[in-house]
Amino acid sequence: MGHRLSKIATRTGDDGTTGLADGSRINKDHPRIMAMGDVDELNSSIGLILTHELPEDIRAVLTDIQHRMFDLGGELSMPDQGFITEQAIAQLDDKLQKLNDDLPPLKEFILPGGTPAAAHCHMARTICRRAERSVISFSRETKLNSHAVAYLNRLSDLLFVIARVLTRLHEIKEPQWHSDRNP
């Protein structure tokens, strides 16, 4: 594992650079750091979801995902590391299938909202899509573990489905987009 901070105000980033796990320094606007920041923001948004009352199975999967986000941050910080596995993607696929089984098919687009927890899931989903784009952009210059992008892609789907589940759990009608409304 990389360097552990014993103090937070290091002042080493005052020049616009930041340190990587191997001790090297790069600019804070480097695509690697942008991807790491988006993954970190995603992790924080999942933490926000976890502040709500949730079914225990959803709480458990989101907590596991937070740990995976740290793994992904490690991958991005340490070249040639691959912490996200095919098994991690399979776990998301399994949870997606189980949660989807009880949901009715979609006939319209869903508007972000529903309940506060569902709305936070939608926010996390959009952050996840941004993180996915950032990781893809970074992967154009550095070879990354191919499972990282697939994991983020599945995770955004899972966050959407969890939002639907949480809305239905509270017996609230899912807010739907209506293309034929009068402006």
N, C-alpha and C. Protein backbone atom coordinates (compact mmCIF):
# COMPACT_ATOMS: atom_id res chain seq x y z
N MET A 1 0.84 -1.17 0.00
CA MET A 1 0.00 0.00 0.00
C MET A 1 0.88 1.23 0.00
N GLY A 2 0.37 2.31 -0.52
CA GLY A 2 1.13 3.54 -0.65
C GLY A 2 1.39 4.23 0.66
N HIS A 3 1.71 5.49 0.55
CA HIS A 3 2.04 6.30 1.72
C HIS A 3 0.78 6.59 2.54
N ARG A 4 0.91 6.55 3.83
CA ARG A 4 -0.17 6.92 4.74
C ARG A 4 0.12 8.32 5.25
N LEU A 5 -0.90 9.14 5.30
CA LEU A 5 -0.72 10.50 5.79
C LEU A 5 -0.84 10.54 7.30
N SER A 6 0.12 11.16 7.94
CA SER A 6 0.03 11.34 9.39
C SER A 6 -0.51 12.72 9.71
N LYS A 7 -0.48 13.60 8.72
CA LYS A 7 -1.11 14.91 8.87
C LYS A 7 -1.76 15.26 7.55
N ILE A 8 -2.82 16.03 7.60
CA ILE A 8 -3.58 16.33 6.40
C ILE A 8 -3.07 17.59 5.70
N ALA A 9 -2.72 18.61 6.43
CA ALA A 9 -2.23 19.85 5.82
C ALA A 9 -0.74 19.71 5.52
N THR A 10 -0.43 19.00 4.43
CA THR A 10 0.97 18.75 4.10
C THR A 10 1.62 19.92 3.35
N ARG A 11 0.80 20.72 2.68
CA ARG A 11 1.24 21.85 1.86
C ARG A 11 2.01 21.42 0.62
N THR A 12 2.16 20.12 0.41
CA THR A 12 2.92 19.66 -0.75
C THR A 12 2.18 19.89 -2.06
N GLY A 13 0.88 20.12 -2.01
CA GLY A 13 0.10 20.35 -3.22
C GLY A 13 -0.07 21.81 -3.58
N ASP A 14 0.57 22.69 -2.83
CA ASP A 14 0.42 24.12 -3.10
C ASP A 14 0.91 24.52 -4.48
N ASP A 15 1.78 23.72 -5.07
CA ASP A 15 2.31 24.04 -6.39
C ASP A 15 1.45 23.47 -7.52
N GLY A 16 0.28 22.90 -7.19
CA GLY A 16 -0.62 22.36 -8.22
C GLY A 16 -0.34 20.91 -8.57
N THR A 17 0.49 20.25 -7.77
CA THR A 17 0.76 18.83 -8.00
C THR A 17 0.23 18.01 -6.84
N THR A 18 0.13 16.71 -7.07
CA THR A 18 -0.28 15.79 -6.02
C THR A 18 0.55 14.52 -6.12
N GLY A 19 0.64 13.81 -5.03
CA GLY A 19 1.46 12.61 -4.99
C GLY A 19 0.67 11.36 -5.33
N LEU A 20 1.34 10.44 -6.01
CA LEU A 20 0.77 9.13 -6.30
C LEU A 20 1.29 8.13 -5.27
N ALA A 21 0.73 6.95 -5.30
CA ALA A 21 1.10 5.93 -4.32
C ALA A 21 2.57 5.55 -4.39
N ASP A 22 3.18 5.70 -5.57
CA ASP A 22 4.60 5.33 -5.70
C ASP A 22 5.54 6.47 -5.30
N GLY A 23 4.96 7.59 -4.83
CA GLY A 23 5.77 8.73 -4.39
C GLY A 23 6.02 9.76 -5.47
N SER A 24 5.69 9.45 -6.72
CA SER A 24 5.86 10.43 -7.79
C SER A 24 4.78 11.51 -7.69
N ARG A 25 5.01 12.64 -8.35
CA ARG A 25 4.07 13.76 -8.30
C ARG A 25 3.64 14.09 -9.72
N ILE A 26 2.34 14.41 -9.86
CA ILE A 26 1.82 14.84 -11.15
C ILE A 26 0.87 16.01 -10.93
N ASN A 27 0.55 16.71 -12.01
CA ASN A 27 -0.35 17.86 -11.93
C ASN A 27 -1.75 17.42 -11.49
N LYS A 28 -2.38 18.27 -10.72
CA LYS A 28 -3.71 17.95 -10.18
C LYS A 28 -4.78 17.89 -11.27
N ASP A 29 -4.51 18.45 -12.44
CA ASP A 29 -5.49 18.38 -13.52
C ASP A 29 -5.13 17.30 -14.55
N HIS A 30 -4.21 16.42 -14.20
CA HIS A 30 -3.85 15.30 -15.06
C HIS A 30 -5.06 14.36 -15.17
N PRO A 31 -5.27 13.74 -16.33
CA PRO A 31 -6.41 12.81 -16.48
C PRO A 31 -6.45 11.72 -15.42
N ARG A 32 -5.32 11.27 -14.93
CA ARG A 32 -5.30 10.26 -13.86
C ARG A 32 -5.97 10.82 -12.60
N ILE A 33 -5.61 12.04 -12.25
CA ILE A 33 -6.15 12.66 -11.03
C ILE A 33 -7.62 13.02 -11.23
N MET A 34 -7.99 13.42 -12.43
CA MET A 34 -9.41 13.70 -12.71
C MET A 34 -10.24 12.43 -12.51
N ALA A 35 -9.75 11.29 -13.02
CA ALA A 35 -10.47 10.03 -12.86
C ALA A 35 -10.53 9.64 -11.38
N MET A 36 -9.41 9.79 -10.67
CA MET A 36 -9.39 9.47 -9.25
C MET A 36 -10.38 10.35 -8.49
N GLY A 37 -10.44 11.63 -8.83
CA GLY A 37 -11.35 12.55 -8.16
C GLY A 37 -12.81 12.19 -8.42
N ASP A 38 -13.12 11.79 -9.65
CA ASP A 38 -14.49 11.42 -9.96
C ASP A 38 -14.90 10.14 -9.22
N VAL A 39 -13.97 9.20 -9.10
CA VAL A 39 -14.25 7.97 -8.34
C VAL A 39 -14.43 8.31 -6.86
N ASP A 40 -13.62 9.22 -6.34
CA ASP A 40 -13.74 9.65 -4.95
C ASP A 40 -15.09 10.34 -4.72
N GLU A 41 -15.49 11.19 -5.65
CA GLU A 41 -16.79 11.86 -5.54
C GLU A 41 -17.92 10.84 -5.58
N LEU A 42 -17.80 9.84 -6.43
CA LEU A 42 -18.79 8.77 -6.49
C LEU A 42 -18.88 8.06 -5.14
N ASN A 43 -17.74 7.75 -4.55
CA ASN A 43 -17.73 7.09 -3.25
C ASN A 43 -18.43 7.95 -2.20
N SER A 44 -18.17 9.25 -2.22
CA SER A 44 -18.83 10.15 -1.27
C SER A 44 -20.33 10.18 -1.49
N SER A 45 -20.74 10.15 -2.75
CA SER A 45 -22.19 10.19 -3.01
C SER A 45 -22.86 8.89 -2.56
N ILE A 46 -22.16 7.78 -2.65
CA ILE A 46 -22.70 6.52 -2.13
C ILE A 46 -22.78 6.60 -0.60
N GLY A 47 -21.80 7.24 0.02
CA GLY A 47 -21.87 7.47 1.46
C GLY A 47 -23.10 8.27 1.84
N LEU A 48 -23.48 9.22 1.00
CA LEU A 48 -24.68 10.01 1.26
C LEU A 48 -25.93 9.12 1.20
N ILE A 49 -25.99 8.22 0.25
CA ILE A 49 -27.11 7.28 0.17
C ILE A 49 -27.19 6.47 1.46
N LEU A 50 -26.04 6.06 1.96
CA LEU A 50 -26.00 5.22 3.16
C LEU A 50 -26.46 5.94 4.43
N THR A 51 -26.64 7.25 4.39
CA THR A 51 -27.15 7.97 5.55
C THR A 51 -28.67 7.80 5.69
N HIS A 52 -29.31 7.26 4.65
CA HIS A 52 -30.76 7.04 4.67
C HIS A 52 -31.08 5.67 5.28
N GLU A 53 -32.33 5.52 5.71
CA GLU A 53 -32.80 4.19 6.12
C GLU A 53 -32.95 3.36 4.85
N LEU A 54 -32.28 2.21 4.84
CA LEU A 54 -32.26 1.36 3.66
C LEU A 54 -32.51 -0.09 4.06
N PRO A 55 -33.04 -0.89 3.14
CA PRO A 55 -33.09 -2.32 3.41
C PRO A 55 -31.66 -2.85 3.60
N GLU A 56 -31.52 -3.81 4.47
CA GLU A 56 -30.18 -4.30 4.83
C GLU A 56 -29.41 -4.84 3.64
N ASP A 57 -30.09 -5.51 2.70
CA ASP A 57 -29.37 -6.04 1.53
C ASP A 57 -28.80 -4.93 0.65
N ILE A 58 -29.53 -3.83 0.53
CA ILE A 58 -29.04 -2.69 -0.25
C ILE A 58 -27.92 -2.00 0.50
N ARG A 59 -28.06 -1.84 1.80
CA ARG A 59 -26.98 -1.25 2.61
C ARG A 59 -25.69 -2.06 2.46
N ALA A 60 -25.81 -3.38 2.50
CA ALA A 60 -24.63 -4.24 2.40
C ALA A 60 -23.95 -4.10 1.04
N VAL A 61 -24.74 -4.09 -0.02
CA VAL A 61 -24.13 -3.98 -1.35
C VAL A 61 -23.49 -2.61 -1.55
N LEU A 62 -24.11 -1.55 -1.06
CA LEU A 62 -23.52 -0.21 -1.20
C LEU A 62 -22.25 -0.07 -0.37
N THR A 63 -22.23 -0.69 0.80
CA THR A 63 -21.02 -0.66 1.62
C THR A 63 -19.88 -1.39 0.92
N ASP A 64 -20.19 -2.53 0.32
CA ASP A 64 -19.17 -3.25 -0.45
C ASP A 64 -18.68 -2.40 -1.61
N ILE A 65 -19.58 -1.72 -2.27
CA ILE A 65 -19.21 -0.87 -3.41
C ILE A 65 -18.28 0.25 -2.94
N GLN A 66 -18.52 0.81 -1.76
CA GLN A 66 -17.61 1.85 -1.26
C GLN A 66 -16.19 1.31 -1.14
N HIS A 67 -16.06 0.10 -0.67
CA HIS A 67 -14.73 -0.52 -0.57
C HIS A 67 -14.13 -0.71 -1.97
N ARG A 68 -14.97 -1.11 -2.92
CA ARG A 68 -14.49 -1.28 -4.30
C ARG A 68 -14.05 0.06 -4.90
N MET A 69 -14.71 1.14 -4.50
CA MET A 69 -14.30 2.45 -5.02
C MET A 69 -12.89 2.79 -4.52
N PHE A 70 -12.57 2.40 -3.29
CA PHE A 70 -11.20 2.58 -2.81
C PHE A 70 -10.24 1.70 -3.60
N ASP A 71 -10.67 0.48 -3.91
CA ASP A 71 -9.84 -0.40 -4.74
C ASP A 71 -9.58 0.25 -6.10
N LEU A 72 -10.63 0.79 -6.69
CA LEU A 72 -10.48 1.42 -8.00
C LEU A 72 -9.57 2.64 -7.91
N GLY A 73 -9.73 3.43 -6.85
CA GLY A 73 -8.82 4.56 -6.66
C GLY A 73 -7.37 4.09 -6.56
N GLY A 74 -7.16 2.96 -5.89
CA GLY A 74 -5.82 2.38 -5.81
C GLY A 74 -5.30 1.98 -7.17
N GLU A 75 -6.16 1.38 -7.99
CA GLU A 75 -5.75 1.02 -9.36
C GLU A 75 -5.31 2.25 -10.13
N LEU A 76 -6.06 3.32 -9.99
CA LEU A 76 -5.75 4.53 -10.74
C LEU A 76 -4.49 5.20 -10.21
N SER A 77 -4.22 5.05 -8.92
CA SER A 77 -3.07 5.68 -8.29
C SER A 77 -1.78 4.88 -8.47
N MET A 78 -1.92 3.57 -8.63
CA MET A 78 -0.74 2.70 -8.73
C MET A 78 -0.74 2.00 -10.09
N PRO A 79 0.10 2.46 -11.00
CA PRO A 79 0.14 1.83 -12.32
C PRO A 79 0.36 0.32 -12.22
N ASP A 80 -0.22 -0.40 -13.15
CA ASP A 80 -0.07 -1.86 -13.28
C ASP A 80 -0.70 -2.64 -12.14
N GLN A 81 -1.70 -2.08 -11.48
CA GLN A 81 -2.43 -2.79 -10.44
C GLN A 81 -3.83 -3.10 -10.96
N GLY A 82 -4.38 -4.22 -10.58
CA GLY A 82 -5.73 -4.60 -10.98
C GLY A 82 -6.51 -5.15 -9.82
N PHE A 83 -7.21 -4.29 -9.10
CA PHE A 83 -7.96 -4.72 -7.93
C PHE A 83 -9.42 -5.06 -8.24
N ILE A 84 -9.96 -4.48 -9.31
CA ILE A 84 -11.34 -4.78 -9.69
C ILE A 84 -11.30 -6.04 -10.55
N THR A 85 -12.07 -7.04 -10.13
CA THR A 85 -12.02 -8.35 -10.78
C THR A 85 -13.31 -8.65 -11.53
N GLU A 86 -13.24 -9.68 -12.33
CA GLU A 86 -14.43 -10.17 -13.02
C GLU A 86 -15.48 -10.61 -12.00
N GLN A 87 -15.03 -11.15 -10.88
CA GLN A 87 -15.95 -11.58 -9.83
C GLN A 87 -16.72 -10.39 -9.25
N ALA A 88 -16.07 -9.24 -9.13
CA ALA A 88 -16.75 -8.04 -8.62
C ALA A 88 -17.86 -7.62 -9.59
N ILE A 89 -17.60 -7.73 -10.88
CA ILE A 89 -18.62 -7.39 -11.88
C ILE A 89 -19.76 -8.40 -11.79
N ALA A 90 -19.44 -9.66 -11.63
CA ALA A 90 -20.47 -10.71 -11.51
C ALA A 90 -21.36 -10.46 -10.29
N GLN A 91 -20.77 -9.97 -9.21
CA GLN A 91 -21.57 -9.67 -8.01
C GLN A 91 -22.58 -8.55 -8.31
N LEU A 92 -22.14 -7.53 -9.07
CA LEU A 92 -23.08 -6.47 -9.44
C LEU A 92 -24.18 -7.02 -10.35
N ASP A 93 -23.78 -7.85 -11.32
CA ASP A 93 -24.78 -8.45 -12.22
C ASP A 93 -25.81 -9.27 -11.45
N ASP A 94 -25.34 -10.03 -10.46
CA ASP A 94 -26.23 -10.85 -9.64
C ASP A 94 -27.22 -9.98 -8.87
N LYS A 95 -26.72 -8.92 -8.26
CA LYS A 95 -27.60 -8.02 -7.50
C LYS A 95 -28.58 -7.32 -8.44
N LEU A 96 -28.10 -6.91 -9.61
CA LEU A 96 -28.98 -6.27 -10.60
C LEU A 96 -30.13 -7.20 -10.97
N GLN A 97 -29.82 -8.45 -11.23
CA GLN A 97 -30.85 -9.40 -11.61
C GLN A 97 -31.87 -9.58 -10.49
N LYS A 98 -31.39 -9.75 -9.28
CA LYS A 98 -32.29 -9.97 -8.14
C LYS A 98 -33.21 -8.77 -7.91
N LEU A 99 -32.65 -7.56 -7.99
CA LEU A 99 -33.47 -6.36 -7.77
C LEU A 99 -34.43 -6.12 -8.93
N ASN A 100 -34.00 -6.42 -10.14
CA ASN A 100 -34.85 -6.22 -11.32
C ASN A 100 -36.03 -7.17 -11.35
N ASP A 101 -35.87 -8.36 -10.75
CA ASP A 101 -36.93 -9.37 -10.80
C ASP A 101 -38.26 -8.87 -10.27
N ASP A 102 -38.23 -7.99 -9.28
CA ASP A 102 -39.47 -7.51 -8.65
C ASP A 102 -39.96 -6.18 -9.21
N LEU A 103 -39.27 -5.65 -10.20
CA LEU A 103 -39.66 -4.35 -10.76
C LEU A 103 -40.48 -4.54 -12.04
N PRO A 104 -41.48 -3.69 -12.22
CA PRO A 104 -42.22 -3.76 -13.49
C PRO A 104 -41.35 -3.21 -14.63
N PRO A 105 -41.62 -3.66 -15.86
CA PRO A 105 -40.85 -3.13 -16.98
C PRO A 105 -41.08 -1.63 -17.14
N LEU A 106 -40.07 -0.97 -17.63
CA LEU A 106 -40.19 0.48 -17.86
C LEU A 106 -40.95 0.73 -19.17
N LYS A 107 -41.88 1.67 -19.10
CA LYS A 107 -42.60 2.07 -20.31
C LYS A 107 -42.25 3.50 -20.69
N GLU A 108 -41.71 4.24 -19.75
CA GLU A 108 -41.30 5.63 -19.96
C GLU A 108 -39.95 5.84 -19.26
N PHE A 109 -39.28 6.93 -19.62
CA PHE A 109 -38.07 7.30 -18.90
C PHE A 109 -38.45 7.74 -17.49
N ILE A 110 -37.57 7.45 -16.54
CA ILE A 110 -37.78 7.83 -15.15
C ILE A 110 -37.07 9.16 -14.91
N LEU A 111 -37.77 10.08 -14.27
CA LEU A 111 -37.14 11.33 -13.86
C LEU A 111 -36.44 11.11 -12.51
N PRO A 112 -35.27 11.67 -12.33
CA PRO A 112 -34.61 11.54 -11.03
C PRO A 112 -35.49 12.12 -9.93
N GLY A 113 -35.63 11.38 -8.86
CA GLY A 113 -36.47 11.84 -7.75
C GLY A 113 -37.05 10.65 -7.03
N GLY A 114 -38.30 10.76 -6.65
CA GLY A 114 -38.98 9.68 -5.93
C GLY A 114 -38.94 9.94 -4.44
N THR A 115 -37.91 9.44 -3.78
CA THR A 115 -37.68 9.67 -2.36
C THR A 115 -36.31 10.33 -2.23
N PRO A 116 -35.97 10.90 -1.09
CA PRO A 116 -34.63 11.46 -0.94
C PRO A 116 -33.53 10.42 -1.21
N ALA A 117 -33.69 9.20 -0.72
CA ALA A 117 -32.68 8.17 -0.95
C ALA A 117 -32.60 7.83 -2.44
N ALA A 118 -33.74 7.71 -3.10
CA ALA A 118 -33.75 7.41 -4.53
C ALA A 118 -33.11 8.55 -5.32
N ALA A 119 -33.42 9.79 -4.95
CA ALA A 119 -32.82 10.94 -5.63
C ALA A 119 -31.30 10.93 -5.47
N HIS A 120 -30.83 10.56 -4.28
CA HIS A 120 -29.38 10.47 -4.07
C HIS A 120 -28.79 9.33 -4.91
N CYS A 121 -29.54 8.26 -5.11
CA CYS A 121 -29.07 7.19 -6.01
C CYS A 121 -28.93 7.70 -7.44
N HIS A 122 -29.91 8.48 -7.87
CA HIS A 122 -29.83 9.05 -9.22
C HIS A 122 -28.62 9.98 -9.34
N MET A 123 -28.36 10.76 -8.31
CA MET A 123 -27.19 11.64 -8.33
C MET A 123 -25.91 10.81 -8.41
N ALA A 124 -25.84 9.77 -7.61
CA ALA A 124 -24.66 8.89 -7.64
C ALA A 124 -24.51 8.24 -9.01
N ARG A 125 -25.63 7.89 -9.64
CA ARG A 125 -25.60 7.29 -10.97
C ARG A 125 -24.97 8.23 -11.99
N THR A 126 -25.33 9.51 -11.93
CA THR A 126 -24.76 10.46 -12.89
C THR A 126 -23.28 10.71 -12.60
N ILE A 127 -22.91 10.72 -11.34
CA ILE A 127 -21.49 10.85 -10.98
C ILE A 127 -20.73 9.61 -11.45
N CYS A 128 -21.36 8.45 -11.34
CA CYS A 128 -20.73 7.21 -11.79
C CYS A 128 -20.48 7.27 -13.30
N ARG A 129 -21.43 7.78 -14.06
CA ARG A 129 -21.24 7.90 -15.51
C ARG A 129 -20.07 8.84 -15.82
N ARG A 130 -19.95 9.92 -15.05
CA ARG A 130 -18.82 10.84 -15.26
C ARG A 130 -17.51 10.15 -14.91
N ALA A 131 -17.50 9.40 -13.82
CA ALA A 131 -16.29 8.66 -13.44
C ALA A 131 -15.92 7.66 -14.54
N GLU A 132 -16.91 7.01 -15.08
CA GLU A 132 -16.67 6.06 -16.17
C GLU A 132 -16.02 6.78 -17.36
N ARG A 133 -16.56 7.94 -17.73
CA ARG A 133 -15.98 8.70 -18.85
C ARG A 133 -14.55 9.12 -18.55
N SER A 134 -14.30 9.54 -17.31
CA SER A 134 -12.94 9.96 -16.93
C SER A 134 -11.96 8.79 -16.99
N VAL A 135 -12.39 7.64 -16.52
CA VAL A 135 -11.52 6.46 -16.55
C VAL A 135 -11.25 6.05 -18.00
N ILE A 136 -12.27 6.11 -18.84
CA ILE A 136 -12.08 5.81 -20.26
C ILE A 136 -11.08 6.78 -20.88
N SER A 137 -11.24 8.06 -20.60
CA SER A 137 -10.30 9.06 -21.14
C SER A 137 -8.88 8.77 -20.69
N PHE A 138 -8.71 8.46 -19.41
CA PHE A 138 -7.38 8.17 -18.90
C PHE A 138 -6.82 6.89 -19.53
N SER A 139 -7.69 5.92 -19.79
CA SER A 139 -7.23 4.64 -20.35
C SER A 139 -6.70 4.80 -21.77
N ARG A 140 -6.98 5.92 -22.41
CA ARG A 140 -6.44 6.16 -23.75
C ARG A 140 -4.95 6.45 -23.71
N GLU A 141 -4.45 6.89 -22.56
CA GLU A 141 -3.02 7.18 -22.45
C GLU A 141 -2.26 6.17 -21.61
N THR A 142 -2.97 5.42 -20.79
CA THR A 142 -2.34 4.42 -19.92
C THR A 142 -3.19 3.15 -19.92
N LYS A 143 -2.55 2.03 -20.09
CA LYS A 143 -3.28 0.76 -20.07
C LYS A 143 -3.81 0.51 -18.65
N LEU A 144 -5.11 0.29 -18.57
CA LEU A 144 -5.77 0.03 -17.29
C LEU A 144 -6.41 -1.35 -17.30
N ASN A 145 -6.72 -1.83 -16.14
CA ASN A 145 -7.48 -3.06 -15.97
C ASN A 145 -8.83 -2.89 -16.68
N SER A 146 -9.12 -3.77 -17.62
CA SER A 146 -10.36 -3.65 -18.41
C SER A 146 -11.60 -3.81 -17.55
N HIS A 147 -11.48 -4.42 -16.40
CA HIS A 147 -12.64 -4.61 -15.53
C HIS A 147 -13.09 -3.31 -14.87
N ALA A 148 -12.22 -2.32 -14.80
CA ALA A 148 -12.57 -1.07 -14.13
C ALA A 148 -13.73 -0.37 -14.83
N VAL A 149 -13.65 -0.24 -16.14
CA VAL A 149 -14.72 0.44 -16.89
C VAL A 149 -16.01 -0.38 -16.83
N ALA A 150 -15.89 -1.69 -17.00
CA ALA A 150 -17.08 -2.54 -16.94
C ALA A 150 -17.76 -2.44 -15.58
N TYR A 151 -16.97 -2.37 -14.51
CA TYR A 151 -17.53 -2.26 -13.16
C TYR A 151 -18.32 -0.96 -13.02
N LEU A 152 -17.75 0.14 -13.49
CA LEU A 152 -18.46 1.42 -13.40
C LEU A 152 -19.72 1.43 -14.25
N ASN A 153 -19.66 0.80 -15.40
CA ASN A 153 -20.83 0.72 -16.26
C ASN A 153 -21.96 -0.04 -15.57
N ARG A 154 -21.65 -1.19 -14.98
CA ARG A 154 -22.66 -1.96 -14.27
C ARG A 154 -23.16 -1.23 -13.02
N LEU A 155 -22.23 -0.55 -12.36
CA LEU A 155 -22.60 0.16 -11.14
C LEU A 155 -23.63 1.25 -11.43
N SER A 156 -23.48 1.96 -12.53
CA SER A 156 -24.47 3.00 -12.83
C SER A 156 -25.84 2.37 -13.07
N ASP A 157 -25.87 1.21 -13.72
CA ASP A 157 -27.14 0.50 -13.89
C ASP A 157 -27.72 0.09 -12.54
N LEU A 158 -26.87 -0.43 -11.67
CA LEU A 158 -27.34 -0.86 -10.35
C LEU A 158 -27.89 0.32 -9.54
N LEU A 159 -27.23 1.46 -9.60
CA LEU A 159 -27.72 2.63 -8.86
C LEU A 159 -29.09 3.07 -9.38
N PHE A 160 -29.30 2.97 -10.68
CA PHE A 160 -30.61 3.28 -11.26
C PHE A 160 -31.68 2.32 -10.72
N VAL A 161 -31.35 1.05 -10.71
CA VAL A 161 -32.31 0.04 -10.23
C VAL A 161 -32.57 0.21 -8.74
N ILE A 162 -31.54 0.49 -7.97
CA ILE A 162 -31.74 0.73 -6.53
C ILE A 162 -32.66 1.93 -6.32
N ALA A 163 -32.50 2.97 -7.12
CA ALA A 163 -33.39 4.14 -7.01
C ALA A 163 -34.84 3.72 -7.25
N ARG A 164 -35.06 2.89 -8.24
CA ARG A 164 -36.42 2.40 -8.52
C ARG A 164 -36.96 1.58 -7.34
N VAL A 165 -36.12 0.71 -6.81
CA VAL A 165 -36.54 -0.14 -5.69
C VAL A 165 -36.90 0.72 -4.48
N LEU A 166 -36.08 1.72 -4.17
CA LEU A 166 -36.33 2.56 -3.00
C LEU A 166 -37.61 3.38 -3.17
N THR A 167 -37.89 3.83 -4.39
CA THR A 167 -39.13 4.58 -4.63
C THR A 167 -40.33 3.67 -4.42
N ARG A 168 -40.29 2.48 -4.97
CA ARG A 168 -41.40 1.54 -4.84
C ARG A 168 -41.57 1.06 -3.40
N LEU A 169 -40.47 0.93 -2.68
CA LEU A 169 -40.52 0.50 -1.28
C LEU A 169 -41.38 1.44 -0.45
N HIS A 170 -41.35 2.71 -0.80
CA HIS A 170 -42.15 3.71 -0.08
C HIS A 170 -43.51 3.94 -0.74
N GLU A 171 -43.84 3.04 -1.68
CA GLU A 171 -45.13 3.08 -2.38
C GLU A 171 -45.40 4.43 -3.02
N ILE A 172 -44.35 4.99 -3.58
CA ILE A 172 -44.45 6.25 -4.31
C ILE A 172 -44.39 5.92 -5.79
N LYS A 173 -45.22 6.59 -6.56
CA LYS A 173 -45.20 6.38 -8.01
C LYS A 173 -43.90 6.96 -8.57
N GLU A 174 -43.25 6.19 -9.42
CA GLU A 174 -42.01 6.66 -10.03
C GLU A 174 -42.29 7.88 -10.91
N PRO A 175 -41.52 8.95 -10.71
CA PRO A 175 -41.73 10.12 -11.57
C PRO A 175 -41.28 9.80 -13.00
N GLN A 176 -42.20 9.97 -13.93
CA GLN A 176 -41.90 9.61 -15.32
C GLN A 176 -41.89 10.83 -16.22
N TRP A 177 -41.06 10.75 -17.23
CA TRP A 177 -40.99 11.79 -18.24
C TRP A 177 -42.17 11.64 -19.18
N HIS A 178 -42.81 12.74 -19.49
CA HIS A 178 -43.95 12.75 -20.41
C HIS A 178 -43.58 13.61 -21.61
N SER A 179 -43.40 12.98 -22.73
CA SER A 179 -42.98 13.71 -23.93
C SER A 179 -44.10 14.54 -24.53
N ASP A 180 -45.35 14.24 -24.19
CA ASP A 180 -46.47 14.94 -24.79
C ASP A 180 -47.03 16.08 -23.94
N ARG A 181 -46.30 16.50 -22.92
CA ARG A 181 -46.80 17.56 -22.04
C ARG A 181 -46.75 18.91 -22.77
N ASN A 182 -47.57 19.81 -22.32
CA ASN A 182 -47.56 21.17 -22.89
C ASN A 182 -46.57 22.02 -22.13
N PRO A 183 -45.64 22.68 -22.83
CA PRO A 183 -44.67 23.51 -22.11
C PRO A 183 -45.29 24.70 -21.44
